Protein backbone atom coordinates (compact mmCIF):
# COMPACT_ATOMS: atom_id res chain seq x y z
CA MET A 1 15.88 -15.60 6.92
CA THR A 2 13.36 -16.90 9.94
CA ASP A 3 13.93 -15.43 12.68
CA ARG A 4 11.35 -12.86 14.10
CA GLN A 5 14.06 -9.94 14.77
CA SER A 6 15.37 -10.49 11.32
CA LEU A 7 12.12 -10.35 9.77
CA LEU A 8 11.29 -6.84 11.11
CA ASP A 9 13.07 -4.62 9.36
CA PRO A 10 12.11 -6.71 6.17
CA VAL A 11 8.81 -6.77 6.38
CA ALA A 12 7.99 -3.25 7.15
CA ASP A 13 9.94 -2.01 4.35
CA ILE A 14 7.60 -4.35 2.09
CA ALA A 15 4.37 -2.57 4.18
CA ARG A 16 6.21 0.88 3.25
CA ARG A 17 6.91 -0.18 -0.08
CA ALA A 18 2.56 -0.94 -0.50
CA GLY A 19 1.82 2.40 1.49
CA ALA A 20 4.01 4.22 -1.37
CA ALA A 21 1.71 2.40 -3.51
CA ILE A 22 -1.58 2.94 -2.12
CA LEU A 23 -0.31 6.75 -1.67
CA GLU A 24 -0.27 7.29 -5.67
CA VAL A 25 -3.74 6.04 -6.37
CA TYR A 26 -5.12 8.32 -3.18
CA ASN A 27 -3.38 11.23 -4.27
CA GLY A 28 -4.04 10.70 -7.75
CA PRO A 29 -8.01 11.13 -9.26
CA ASP A 30 -10.83 9.92 -8.94
CA PHE A 31 -10.73 6.42 -8.16
CA ASN A 32 -13.59 2.92 -9.03
CA VAL A 33 -14.84 1.50 -6.30
CA GLU A 34 -15.76 -2.03 -7.06
CA ARG A 35 -17.71 -4.22 -4.54
CA LYS A 36 -16.64 -7.40 -3.37
CA GLY A 37 -18.93 -10.66 -2.33
CA ASP A 38 -19.59 -9.43 1.03
CA ASP A 39 -20.64 -6.20 -0.02
CA SER A 40 -17.16 -4.39 1.40
CA PRO A 41 -15.33 -2.21 -0.91
CA LEU A 42 -12.57 -2.68 -3.17
CA THR A 43 -10.17 -0.40 -5.06
CA ALA A 44 -6.90 -0.09 -7.27
CA ALA A 45 -4.81 0.50 -3.67
CA ASP A 46 -5.89 -2.92 -2.29
CA LEU A 47 -4.84 -5.38 -5.02
CA ALA A 48 -1.86 -3.28 -5.97
CA ALA A 49 -0.97 -3.59 -2.21
CA HIS A 50 -1.84 -7.12 -2.46
CA LYS A 51 0.40 -7.84 -5.13
CA LEU A 52 3.33 -6.06 -3.87
CA ILE A 53 2.98 -7.31 -0.45
CA LEU A 54 2.46 -11.08 -1.85
CA LYS A 55 5.75 -10.77 -4.23
CA GLY A 56 7.70 -9.20 -1.18
CA LEU A 57 6.72 -11.91 1.29
CA THR A 58 7.21 -14.90 -0.93
CA GLU A 59 10.26 -13.74 -1.63
CA LEU A 60 11.37 -13.31 2.16
CA THR A 61 10.29 -16.17 3.23
CA PRO A 62 9.07 -18.65 0.36
CA ASP A 63 8.77 -21.67 2.56
CA ILE A 64 5.87 -19.28 4.88
CA PRO A 65 2.54 -19.16 3.40
CA VAL A 66 0.99 -16.19 2.48
CA HIS A 67 -2.79 -15.44 3.39
CA SER A 68 -4.08 -12.07 2.40
CA GLU A 69 -8.10 -10.58 2.83
CA GLU A 70 -7.21 -10.23 -1.18
CA SER A 71 -6.12 -13.80 -1.86
CA GLU A 72 -8.61 -15.85 -3.46
CA GLY A 73 -8.88 -19.76 -3.10
CA ILE A 74 -7.26 -20.24 0.27
CA THR A 75 -9.98 -22.60 1.69
CA TRP A 76 -9.98 -23.76 5.90
CA GLU A 77 -9.24 -27.64 3.88
CA MET A 78 -5.46 -25.70 2.55
CA ARG A 79 -4.44 -23.74 5.74
CA ARG A 80 -6.05 -25.79 8.63
CA ASP A 81 -2.26 -27.45 9.44
CA TRP A 82 -0.79 -23.72 8.81
CA GLN A 83 1.60 -23.69 11.86
CA ARG A 84 3.11 -20.92 10.72
CA TYR A 85 2.07 -18.23 7.95
CA TRP A 86 1.27 -14.20 6.99
CA LEU A 87 -1.68 -12.97 7.52
CA VAL A 88 -2.52 -9.76 5.38
CA ASP A 89 -4.62 -6.79 4.99
CA PRO A 90 -3.40 -4.85 1.97
CA LEU A 91 -5.12 -1.88 2.62
CA ASP A 92 -7.07 -1.85 6.48
CA GLY A 93 -9.65 0.99 5.83
CA THR A 94 -10.60 1.24 2.91
CA LYS A 95 -13.56 3.30 3.94
CA GLU A 96 -11.74 5.73 5.22
CA PHE A 97 -9.87 5.30 2.33
CA ILE A 98 -12.47 6.57 0.24
CA LYS A 99 -13.61 8.95 2.26
CA ARG A 100 -9.92 10.13 1.84
CA ASN A 101 -9.77 11.07 5.57
CA GLY A 102 -6.11 9.36 5.89
CA GLU A 103 -6.83 6.42 8.65
CA PHE A 104 -6.26 3.66 7.10
CA THR A 105 -3.02 1.45 7.32
CA VAL A 106 -1.10 -1.68 5.35
CA ASN A 107 -1.19 -4.36 8.01
CA ILE A 108 1.16 -7.80 7.75
CA ALA A 109 1.21 -10.28 11.11
CA LEU A 110 3.05 -13.59 11.26
CA ILE A 111 1.10 -15.99 13.00
CA GLU A 112 2.58 -18.90 14.87
CA ASN A 113 0.13 -21.99 15.84
CA GLY A 114 -2.78 -19.30 16.36
CA VAL A 115 -0.86 -16.43 17.99
CA PRO A 116 0.55 -13.30 16.07
CA VAL A 117 4.21 -13.35 17.21
CA LEU A 118 5.07 -10.44 14.65
CA GLY A 119 3.38 -7.42 13.46
CA VAL A 120 3.55 -4.76 11.04
CA VAL A 121 0.90 -1.69 10.79
CA HIS A 122 2.02 1.10 8.26
CA VAL A 123 0.44 4.26 8.31
CA PRO A 124 0.53 5.53 4.94
CA VAL A 125 -0.82 9.16 4.82
CA MET A 126 1.33 9.54 8.52
CA GLY A 127 4.62 8.20 7.22
CA VAL A 128 4.40 6.60 10.75
CA THR A 129 5.26 2.65 11.28
CA TYR A 130 4.05 0.39 14.74
CA LEU A 131 6.01 -2.86 14.35
CA GLY A 132 7.24 -5.30 17.19
CA GLY A 133 7.02 -8.81 18.07
CA GLU A 134 7.19 -11.49 20.73
CA GLY A 135 10.71 -11.38 22.21
CA VAL A 136 11.39 -8.32 20.12
CA GLY A 137 9.88 -5.18 21.45
CA ALA A 138 7.46 -2.92 20.40
CA PHE A 139 8.47 0.34 18.61
CA LYS A 140 7.03 3.40 16.83
CA GLU A 141 8.83 4.78 13.84
CA THR A 142 8.64 8.26 12.24
CA GLU A 143 10.56 10.52 10.02
CA ASP A 144 12.43 11.29 13.58
CA GLY A 145 13.49 7.80 13.87
CA ARG A 146 12.51 4.51 15.81
CA GLN A 147 11.05 4.35 19.37
CA ALA A 148 10.47 1.95 22.08
CA ILE A 149 6.64 2.03 22.90
CA GLN A 150 4.78 0.67 25.96
CA VAL A 151 1.15 -0.03 27.20
CA ARG A 152 0.51 2.34 30.21
CA SER A 153 0.49 -0.60 33.11
CA THR A 154 -1.62 1.20 35.40
CA PRO A 155 -4.70 3.53 35.04
CA PRO A 156 -4.20 7.26 35.33
CA HIS A 157 -6.23 9.85 37.14
CA THR A 158 -7.83 9.96 33.24
CA ILE A 159 -9.05 6.60 31.52
CA VAL A 160 -8.91 7.16 27.33
CA MET A 161 -11.06 4.77 25.44
CA VAL A 162 -11.10 4.41 22.07
CA ALA A 163 -14.63 3.78 20.61
CA SER A 164 -15.91 2.85 17.21
CA ARG A 165 -17.85 6.47 15.49
CA SER A 166 -20.53 3.67 14.73
CA HIS A 167 -20.72 -0.01 16.07
CA GLY A 168 -22.00 -0.30 20.40
CA THR A 169 -22.68 2.75 21.11
CA ASP A 170 -25.46 1.82 24.05
CA THR A 171 -23.03 -0.84 24.92
CA ILE A 172 -19.87 1.81 24.91
CA ALA A 173 -22.22 4.00 27.44
CA VAL A 174 -22.51 1.60 29.67
CA LEU A 175 -19.15 0.65 29.56
CA GLU A 176 -18.26 4.44 30.11
CA GLY A 177 -20.19 4.67 33.14
CA LEU A 178 -18.91 1.67 34.71
CA ILE A 179 -14.90 2.12 34.48
CA GLY A 180 -15.84 5.72 35.74
CA GLN A 181 -17.17 4.53 38.40
CA ARG A 182 -14.44 1.95 39.45
CA LEU A 183 -11.47 3.40 37.90
CA ALA A 184 -11.60 6.62 37.19
CA PRO A 185 -13.10 9.62 34.70
CA VAL A 186 -13.34 8.19 31.26
CA GLU A 187 -12.34 10.47 28.12
CA LEU A 188 -13.28 8.88 24.80
CA THR A 189 -11.16 8.89 21.06
CA SER A 190 -11.77 7.84 18.17
CA MET A 191 -9.96 6.72 15.44
CA GLY A 192 -10.47 4.35 11.83
CA SER A 193 -8.63 0.83 11.34
CA SER A 194 -6.11 -1.09 12.99
CA LEU A 195 -4.79 2.65 14.47
CA LYS A 196 -7.24 2.25 17.47
CA LEU A 197 -5.30 -1.24 18.35
CA CYS A 198 -1.66 0.79 18.00
CA LEU A 199 -3.24 4.09 20.58
CA VAL A 200 -3.69 1.65 23.35
CA ALA A 201 -0.11 -0.49 22.50
CA GLU A 202 2.03 3.18 22.17
CA GLY A 203 0.56 4.27 25.47
CA ARG A 204 -1.89 6.84 24.37
CA ALA A 205 -5.34 4.82 25.00
CA ASP A 206 -5.92 2.82 27.88
CA ILE A 207 -9.16 0.21 26.28
CA TYR A 208 -10.40 -0.17 23.27
CA PRO A 209 -13.58 -2.66 23.37
CA ARG A 210 -14.88 -3.66 19.61
CA LEU A 211 -18.40 -4.69 19.89
CA ALA A 212 -19.03 -5.41 15.93
CA PRO A 213 -17.66 -7.83 13.72
CA THR A 214 -13.99 -7.96 12.14
CA SER A 215 -11.89 -10.09 10.74
CA GLU A 216 -8.63 -11.78 11.36
CA TRP A 217 -6.47 -9.69 9.15
CA ASP A 218 -8.52 -6.74 10.60
CA THR A 219 -6.40 -7.39 13.59
CA ALA A 220 -3.92 -9.55 13.47
CA ALA A 221 -0.84 -7.22 13.16
CA ALA A 222 -1.36 -4.66 15.83
CA ASP A 223 -2.85 -7.39 18.31
CA ALA A 224 0.94 -8.11 17.92
CA VAL A 225 2.12 -5.02 18.13
CA VAL A 226 -0.29 -4.82 21.27
CA ARG A 227 1.48 -7.96 22.66
CA ALA A 228 4.60 -6.95 22.37
CA ALA A 229 3.80 -3.62 24.15
CA GLY A 230 2.88 -5.38 26.84
CA GLY A 231 -0.67 -5.49 26.54
CA THR A 232 -3.29 -7.84 25.19
CA VAL A 233 -6.58 -8.54 23.20
CA VAL A 234 -8.87 -10.72 24.71
CA ASN A 235 -12.61 -11.77 23.70
CA THR A 236 -15.37 -11.33 26.01
CA SER A 237 -13.88 -13.96 27.95
CA PHE A 238 -10.92 -12.16 28.32
CA GLU A 239 -9.33 -14.77 26.67
CA PRO A 240 -6.68 -14.02 23.86
CA LEU A 241 -7.78 -13.99 20.34
CA GLN A 242 -6.85 -16.82 18.52
CA TYR A 243 -6.07 -16.75 14.91
CA ASN A 244 -6.55 -19.72 11.95
CA LYS A 245 -9.90 -20.49 12.98
CA GLN A 246 -12.12 -21.85 10.39
CA ASP A 247 -14.59 -18.71 10.75
CA ILE A 248 -11.91 -16.25 10.25
CA LEU A 249 -14.35 -13.88 11.64
CA ASN A 250 -13.21 -12.41 15.52
CA PRO A 251 -15.88 -12.49 18.34
CA HIS A 252 -15.73 -9.27 19.96
CA PHE A 253 -12.79 -8.21 21.94
CA LEU A 254 -11.19 -5.44 24.14
CA VAL A 255 -8.03 -4.41 23.48
CA LEU A 256 -5.86 -3.55 27.16
CA GLY A 257 -3.30 -1.92 28.49
CA ALA A 258 -3.38 -2.45 31.95
CA GLY A 259 -3.31 -6.22 33.08
CA VAL A 260 -6.88 -8.30 32.23
CA ASP A 261 -7.57 -8.20 36.02
CA THR A 262 -7.91 -4.45 36.05
CA TRP A 263 -10.75 -4.65 33.66
CA LYS A 264 -12.65 -8.11 34.34
CA PHE A 265 -15.20 -5.97 36.14
CA LEU A 266 -16.91 -5.33 32.89
CA GLU A 267 -17.16 -8.76 31.72
CA PRO A 268 -21.34 -9.23 33.17
CA VAL A 269 -21.92 -6.28 30.71
CA LEU A 270 -19.88 -7.74 27.67
CA LYS A 271 -21.86 -10.96 28.14
CA SER A 272 -25.45 -9.40 28.32
């Protein structure tokens, strides 16, 4: 089982099972919060989801390596020659998890030659799954079933911009003004974790500028869904994000619905 179409549903099932494990901790009594070496938070839910996903992917595709945020001992020398591997964030949005605001996700992506070609983003509290891949299409699955999704290819009368609650607010304000002058009035909305990318993928938002640090596992799964839905995720030079770099940190980036050329007038501000 190696082609994207046949992998999509089993991977979505693994993500949902990991989400169920997360909810057992989330809905239980108070949980302990540890600190990793980079001072980011870690809970029992992160570790439970990691173990479940690692086991599930290893059984599904034993020949494809797995790189998870909670993996230990995977060095650049080990992964530099990986042409195909799974990139996983077992619980994206641990801070949201700790706040119990529901805006956290399970992220599983398949990377081929530095490109995310399949992705599943599961939202445990909402019971929603975003999934898609190159040559497969993009979908949103709820209790009512699965429906195809796509980006808004032409900016509408109002541009919906997804913005972080705490990062890059000054530049966001400048971008908002420029977009309002060039395209249409801007409506700002906020959301946690990789859900911001998924809003663009399903056509509920037009642009998401991320002007603060993220790692590759934070974005890969939703990036795959965005691409499958007709959008793109680009750096501030308007080049697609690349994965399996030596430095696993992402550059600042934009998630775009309409074509790249629609937004290139923002480049001077992003480079300043």
